[in-house]
Amino acid sequence: MEIFDSIAELRHYLDSKRHKGLTIGLVPTMGALHNGHAELIKRSVEACDITLCSIFVNPTQFNNPEDLLKYPKQVERDQELLLSIGCNAVFTPSVREMYPDEEKTLDMNFGALESVLEGAFRPGHFSGVSVVVSKLLNIAQPDMAFFGQKDLQQLAVIRKLVNDLNIRTRVISVPTVRENSGLAMSSRNQRLANEEVLLASSFYRVLKSSKERALKGESIESVLNSARLELERKGGIELEYVEVVNSNTMARIKSLEDANNISICIAAYIGGVRLIDNLYIKQEH
């Protein structure tokens, strides 16, 4: 497995592979890899000749400096995992390599996508995400890029980014990987105590029961009220939102007839750790 921290050297390596007619898959990550990331890598290995994983904790997408400082880092362990599942190359740039002028000079705006859910609670987050993703797509120019469904709104933003800028990369969505308890795998789970992990596992149960009730014809308003009450009465959960939305635009909906792709999304703090999850209620494909 090749390891690069230089953009120029990575480009030279990838150009040599493209010259041979090989396809390239990219999996952007911030490290602290788990089985959810491993599933993204495996999907890329199956679909592409060369799989590149980037590991870069992007400072411009953190609107909470403490969250950035506490983000787990385990580069050697990450590299061992990537090697074991067939990753061909790893890109581990420094902040200076990605942002050489040391100033944030570019902002991206995604309109309504930035004013709801994650956009409302994390102002500037999606601008930071989209800038670093556009940089990685420009650096690697992959045939495919793989992203997890757990970050559903991020997925919608990246799809809009690729479509609006006519980037040739195909964005592949990979279903959320979960623990046996149903808890969505996340690097942030490492910061939870055992009892907090159990509490976080209730998110998935609430999402599933809400989906079942909505599909049986209960009103969206009633489903959401029940979900909020169930989460708030558990204690230890600081709920930010639970909403039923159009999976493509993240706009709130009032009825399952309002869109072809619909999800229920949740965000909450447990023990000072912010967690998100979602579940498709209805999918066109």
Protein backbone atom coordinates (compact mmCIF):
# COMPACT_ATOMS: atom_id res chain seq x y z
CA MET A 1 0.00 0.00 0.00
CA GLU A 2 1.40 3.39 -1.03
CA ILE A 3 1.30 6.32 1.42
CA PHE A 4 1.41 9.94 0.25
CA ASP A 5 1.40 13.28 2.05
CA SER A 6 2.22 15.35 -1.05
CA ILE A 7 -0.39 16.37 -3.62
CA ALA A 8 2.18 16.34 -6.41
CA GLU A 9 3.39 12.82 -5.62
CA LEU A 10 -0.15 11.50 -5.29
CA ARG A 11 -1.13 13.00 -8.65
CA HIS A 12 1.93 11.45 -10.30
CA TYR A 13 0.98 8.03 -8.87
CA LEU A 14 -2.67 8.29 -9.97
CA ASP A 15 -1.76 9.61 -13.43
CA SER A 16 0.44 6.54 -13.95
CA LYS A 17 -2.51 4.28 -13.08
CA ARG A 18 -4.90 6.19 -15.35
CA HIS A 19 -2.35 5.93 -18.17
CA LYS A 20 -2.71 2.14 -17.87
CA GLY A 21 -6.49 2.43 -18.19
CA LEU A 22 -7.18 1.65 -14.53
CA THR A 23 -10.22 3.07 -12.72
CA ILE A 24 -9.84 4.94 -9.44
CA GLY A 25 -12.11 5.00 -6.40
CA LEU A 26 -11.82 7.59 -3.63
CA VAL A 27 -12.99 7.24 -0.03
CA PRO A 28 -12.56 10.57 1.82
CA THR A 29 -12.26 10.18 5.62
CA MET A 30 -11.07 12.03 8.69
CA GLY A 31 -9.46 8.89 10.10
CA ALA A 32 -10.31 7.02 13.32
CA LEU A 33 -11.55 4.35 10.95
CA HIS A 34 -14.15 1.73 11.89
CA ASN A 35 -16.14 -0.96 10.12
CA GLY A 36 -18.35 1.65 8.48
CA HIS A 37 -15.31 3.10 6.73
CA ALA A 38 -14.14 -0.43 5.95
CA GLU A 39 -17.40 -1.05 4.10
CA LEU A 40 -16.77 2.04 1.95
CA ILE A 41 -13.28 0.79 1.14
CA LYS A 42 -14.57 -2.68 0.29
CA ARG A 43 -17.18 -1.23 -2.06
CA SER A 44 -14.47 0.76 -3.82
CA VAL A 45 -12.17 -2.25 -4.06
CA GLU A 46 -15.00 -4.24 -5.66
CA ALA A 47 -15.90 -1.51 -8.15
CA CYS A 48 -12.52 0.05 -9.04
CA ASP A 49 -9.01 -1.07 -9.98
CA ILE A 50 -7.31 1.35 -7.57
CA THR A 51 -8.73 2.46 -4.23
CA LEU A 52 -7.46 5.64 -2.57
CA CYS A 53 -8.41 6.59 0.99
CA SER A 54 -7.75 10.11 2.21
CA ILE A 55 -7.23 10.75 5.93
CA PHE A 56 -7.48 14.44 6.75
CA VAL A 57 -9.11 16.08 9.75
CA ASN A 58 -10.41 19.15 7.97
CA PRO A 59 -10.36 22.17 10.31
CA THR A 60 -12.66 24.31 8.15
CA GLN A 61 -15.70 22.11 8.75
CA PHE A 62 -15.60 22.33 12.56
CA ASN A 63 -17.61 25.18 13.99
CA ASN A 64 -16.72 23.97 17.51
CA PRO A 65 -12.93 24.27 18.19
CA GLU A 66 -13.19 21.85 21.13
CA ASP A 67 -14.74 19.23 18.85
CA LEU A 68 -11.77 19.57 16.49
CA LEU A 69 -9.27 19.13 19.34
CA LYS A 70 -11.07 16.03 20.65
CA TYR A 71 -11.47 14.33 17.28
CA PRO A 72 -9.74 10.91 17.66
CA LYS A 73 -6.51 10.28 15.76
CA GLN A 74 -5.04 6.79 15.20
CA VAL A 75 -3.12 6.95 11.93
CA GLU A 76 -1.02 3.78 12.34
CA ARG A 77 -4.08 1.68 13.26
CA ASP A 78 -6.00 3.21 10.35
CA GLN A 79 -3.24 2.26 7.93
CA GLU A 80 -3.17 -1.32 9.22
CA LEU A 81 -6.93 -1.62 8.66
CA LEU A 82 -6.69 -0.17 5.14
CA LEU A 83 -3.88 -2.56 4.21
CA SER A 84 -5.86 -5.56 5.48
CA ILE A 85 -8.90 -4.82 3.27
CA GLY A 86 -7.12 -4.12 0.01
CA CYS A 87 -6.73 -0.34 -0.11
CA ASN A 88 -4.03 0.59 -2.64
CA ALA A 89 -3.06 4.09 -1.52
CA VAL A 90 -3.51 6.49 1.40
CA PHE A 91 -3.34 10.28 1.26
CA THR A 92 -2.48 11.90 4.60
CA PRO A 93 -1.82 15.59 3.85
CA SER A 94 -1.01 18.26 6.41
CA VAL A 95 -3.23 21.29 6.85
CA ARG A 96 -0.56 23.38 5.13
CA GLU A 97 -0.54 21.01 2.15
CA MET A 98 -4.32 21.36 1.72
CA TYR A 99 -4.52 25.07 2.61
CA PRO A 100 -1.12 26.52 1.66
CA ASP A 101 -2.06 30.19 2.14
CA GLU A 102 -3.22 29.41 5.71
CA GLU A 103 -6.35 31.48 5.13
CA LYS A 104 -9.87 30.38 4.37
CA THR A 105 -10.39 32.21 1.10
CA LEU A 106 -13.26 30.23 -0.41
CA ASP A 107 -16.86 29.81 0.73
CA MET A 108 -19.56 27.72 -0.88
CA ASN A 109 -23.26 28.26 -0.40
CA PHE A 110 -25.88 25.58 -0.98
CA GLY A 111 -28.98 27.67 -0.39
CA ALA A 112 -31.81 25.91 1.41
CA LEU A 113 -29.61 22.87 2.12
CA GLU A 114 -27.61 25.07 4.50
CA SER A 115 -30.56 26.49 6.41
CA VAL A 116 -32.10 23.26 7.78
CA LEU A 117 -31.07 20.47 10.15
CA GLU A 118 -27.25 20.22 10.19
CA GLY A 119 -26.94 23.49 8.32
CA ALA A 120 -28.98 25.32 10.95
CA PHE A 121 -27.13 23.83 13.92
CA ARG A 122 -23.63 23.91 12.38
CA PRO A 123 -23.31 27.17 10.42
CA GLY A 124 -20.45 27.09 7.91
CA HIS A 125 -20.04 23.33 8.24
CA PHE A 126 -21.12 22.43 4.72
CA SER A 127 -18.99 25.15 3.17
CA GLY A 128 -15.97 23.58 4.87
CA VAL A 129 -17.02 20.08 3.81
CA SER A 130 -17.64 21.05 0.20
CA VAL A 131 -14.36 22.96 -0.14
CA VAL A 132 -12.27 20.03 1.09
CA VAL A 133 -14.25 17.47 -0.94
CA SER A 134 -13.93 19.58 -4.09
CA LYS A 135 -10.18 19.80 -3.43
CA LEU A 136 -9.90 16.02 -3.02
CA LEU A 137 -11.97 15.37 -6.14
CA ASN A 138 -9.80 17.79 -8.10
CA ILE A 139 -6.57 16.30 -6.75
CA ALA A 140 -7.51 12.64 -7.31
CA GLN A 141 -10.00 12.97 -10.19
CA PRO A 142 -11.53 9.60 -9.27
CA ASP A 143 -14.03 7.70 -11.38
CA MET A 144 -16.10 7.06 -8.26
CA ALA A 145 -16.23 8.51 -4.74
CA PHE A 146 -17.87 6.62 -1.87
CA PHE A 147 -19.81 8.21 0.99
CA GLY A 148 -21.87 6.78 3.84
CA GLN A 149 -25.60 7.25 4.18
CA LYS A 150 -25.19 8.13 7.87
CA ASP A 151 -24.20 11.65 6.82
CA LEU A 152 -27.31 12.03 4.70
CA GLN A 153 -27.32 15.82 4.41
CA GLN A 154 -23.61 15.80 3.56
CA LEU A 155 -24.40 13.30 0.82
CA ALA A 156 -27.06 15.66 -0.59
CA VAL A 157 -24.58 18.56 -0.49
CA ILE A 158 -21.85 16.57 -2.26
CA ARG A 159 -24.25 15.40 -4.96
CA LYS A 160 -25.26 19.02 -5.58
CA LEU A 161 -21.61 20.05 -5.63
CA VAL A 162 -20.73 17.41 -8.23
CA ASN A 163 -23.77 18.21 -10.37
CA ASP A 164 -23.41 22.00 -10.22
CA LEU A 165 -19.68 21.96 -11.02
CA ASN A 166 -20.00 19.25 -13.68
CA ILE A 167 -17.46 17.05 -11.92
CA ARG A 168 -17.16 13.73 -13.73
CA THR A 169 -16.85 11.64 -10.55
CA ARG A 170 -19.79 9.35 -9.80
CA VAL A 171 -20.98 9.67 -6.18
CA ILE A 172 -21.80 6.30 -4.61
CA SER A 173 -23.94 6.10 -1.46
CA VAL A 174 -23.25 3.19 0.91
CA PRO A 175 -25.83 2.15 3.55
CA THR A 176 -25.08 2.91 7.20
CA VAL A 177 -23.14 0.18 9.01
CA ARG A 178 -24.43 -0.48 12.54
CA GLU A 179 -23.37 -2.20 15.73
CA ASN A 180 -25.43 -5.22 16.84
CA SER A 181 -27.40 -2.82 19.03
CA GLY A 182 -28.36 -0.73 15.99
CA LEU A 183 -26.07 2.16 16.89
CA ALA A 184 -24.68 3.75 13.73
CA MET A 185 -20.90 3.33 13.60
CA SER A 186 -19.09 6.62 14.08
CA SER A 187 -15.62 7.73 15.12
CA ARG A 188 -17.33 9.81 17.80
CA ASN A 189 -18.63 6.65 19.50
CA GLN A 190 -15.13 6.20 20.95
CA ARG A 191 -15.85 9.17 23.23
CA LEU A 192 -18.95 7.56 24.77
CA ALA A 193 -18.95 5.70 28.10
CA ASN A 194 -20.55 2.22 28.12
CA GLU A 195 -23.85 3.46 29.54
CA GLU A 196 -23.90 6.27 26.98
CA VAL A 197 -23.44 3.76 24.15
CA LEU A 198 -26.55 1.94 25.38
CA LEU A 199 -28.47 5.22 25.47
CA ALA A 200 -27.32 6.14 21.95
CA SER A 201 -28.55 2.77 20.71
CA SER A 202 -32.11 3.95 21.38
CA PHE A 203 -31.86 6.29 18.38
CA TYR A 204 -32.17 3.42 15.93
CA ARG A 205 -35.12 1.89 17.78
CA VAL A 206 -36.94 5.23 17.67
CA LEU A 207 -36.13 5.65 13.97
CA LYS A 208 -37.41 2.17 13.14
CA SER A 209 -40.63 2.52 15.12
CA SER A 210 -41.25 5.96 13.59
CA LYS A 211 -40.79 4.55 10.09
CA GLU A 212 -43.23 1.71 10.80
CA ARG A 213 -45.86 4.10 12.16
CA ALA A 214 -45.51 6.46 9.20
CA LEU A 215 -45.84 3.62 6.69
CA LYS A 216 -49.00 2.44 8.48
CA GLY A 217 -50.60 5.81 7.81
CA GLU A 218 -50.02 7.76 11.02
CA SER A 219 -49.53 11.47 10.37
CA ILE A 220 -45.97 12.79 10.21
CA GLU A 221 -46.76 15.30 12.95
CA SER A 222 -47.95 12.54 15.28
CA VAL A 223 -44.95 10.32 14.47
CA LEU A 224 -42.50 13.11 15.26
CA ASN A 225 -44.26 14.12 18.49
CA SER A 226 -44.07 10.52 19.71
CA ALA A 227 -40.40 10.24 18.74
CA ARG A 228 -39.49 13.45 20.57
CA LEU A 229 -41.34 12.39 23.71
CA GLU A 230 -39.70 8.96 23.73
CA LEU A 231 -36.21 10.41 23.37
CA GLU A 232 -36.65 13.26 25.84
CA ARG A 233 -38.07 11.11 28.61
CA LYS A 234 -35.07 8.77 28.60
CA GLY A 235 -32.84 11.31 30.34
CA GLY A 236 -29.27 11.95 29.26
CA ILE A 237 -30.27 12.86 25.69
CA GLU A 238 -30.11 16.51 24.65
CA LEU A 239 -32.19 16.45 21.49
CA GLU A 240 -31.47 18.98 18.76
CA TYR A 241 -33.90 17.73 16.14
CA VAL A 242 -35.85 14.82 14.81
CA GLU A 243 -37.47 15.49 11.44
CA VAL A 244 -38.97 13.73 8.42
CA VAL A 245 -37.48 15.19 5.25
CA ASN A 246 -37.08 14.89 1.51
CA SER A 247 -33.84 12.86 1.25
CA ASN A 248 -32.64 14.88 -1.75
CA THR A 249 -33.30 18.43 -0.51
CA MET A 250 -33.60 17.88 3.27
CA ALA A 251 -36.77 19.98 3.22
CA ARG A 252 -39.29 19.02 5.90
CA ILE A 253 -42.36 17.21 4.63
CA LYS A 254 -45.87 16.85 6.00
CA SER A 255 -46.97 13.73 4.13
CA LEU A 256 -45.39 10.68 2.51
CA GLU A 257 -46.99 11.88 -0.73
CA ASP A 258 -44.76 14.97 -0.74
CA ALA A 259 -41.65 13.25 -2.16
CA ASN A 260 -40.37 10.02 -3.67
CA ASN A 261 -37.37 9.81 -1.35
CA ILE A 262 -38.08 10.39 2.33
CA SER A 263 -35.99 9.91 5.49
CA ILE A 264 -36.29 10.50 9.20
CA CYS A 265 -33.23 12.24 10.70
CA ILE A 266 -32.05 12.81 14.25
CA ALA A 267 -29.30 14.76 16.01
CA ALA A 268 -28.63 14.86 19.75
CA TYR A 269 -25.93 15.19 22.38
CA ILE A 270 -25.13 12.36 24.78
CA GLY A 271 -22.42 13.01 27.36
CA GLY A 272 -21.27 16.06 25.42
CA VAL A 273 -20.84 14.08 22.20
CA ARG A 274 -22.96 15.08 19.22
CA LEU A 275 -24.41 12.15 17.29
CA ILE A 276 -26.53 11.94 14.14
CA ASP A 277 -28.48 9.14 12.49
CA ASN A 278 -31.16 8.65 9.87
CA LEU A 279 -33.30 6.01 8.23
CA TYR A 280 -34.95 5.91 4.83
CA ILE A 281 -38.72 5.69 5.08
CA LYS A 282 -39.31 5.66 1.34
CA GLN A 283 -36.93 5.28 -1.60
CA GLU A 284 -37.54 5.72 -5.31
CA HIS A 285 -34.69 3.32 -6.14
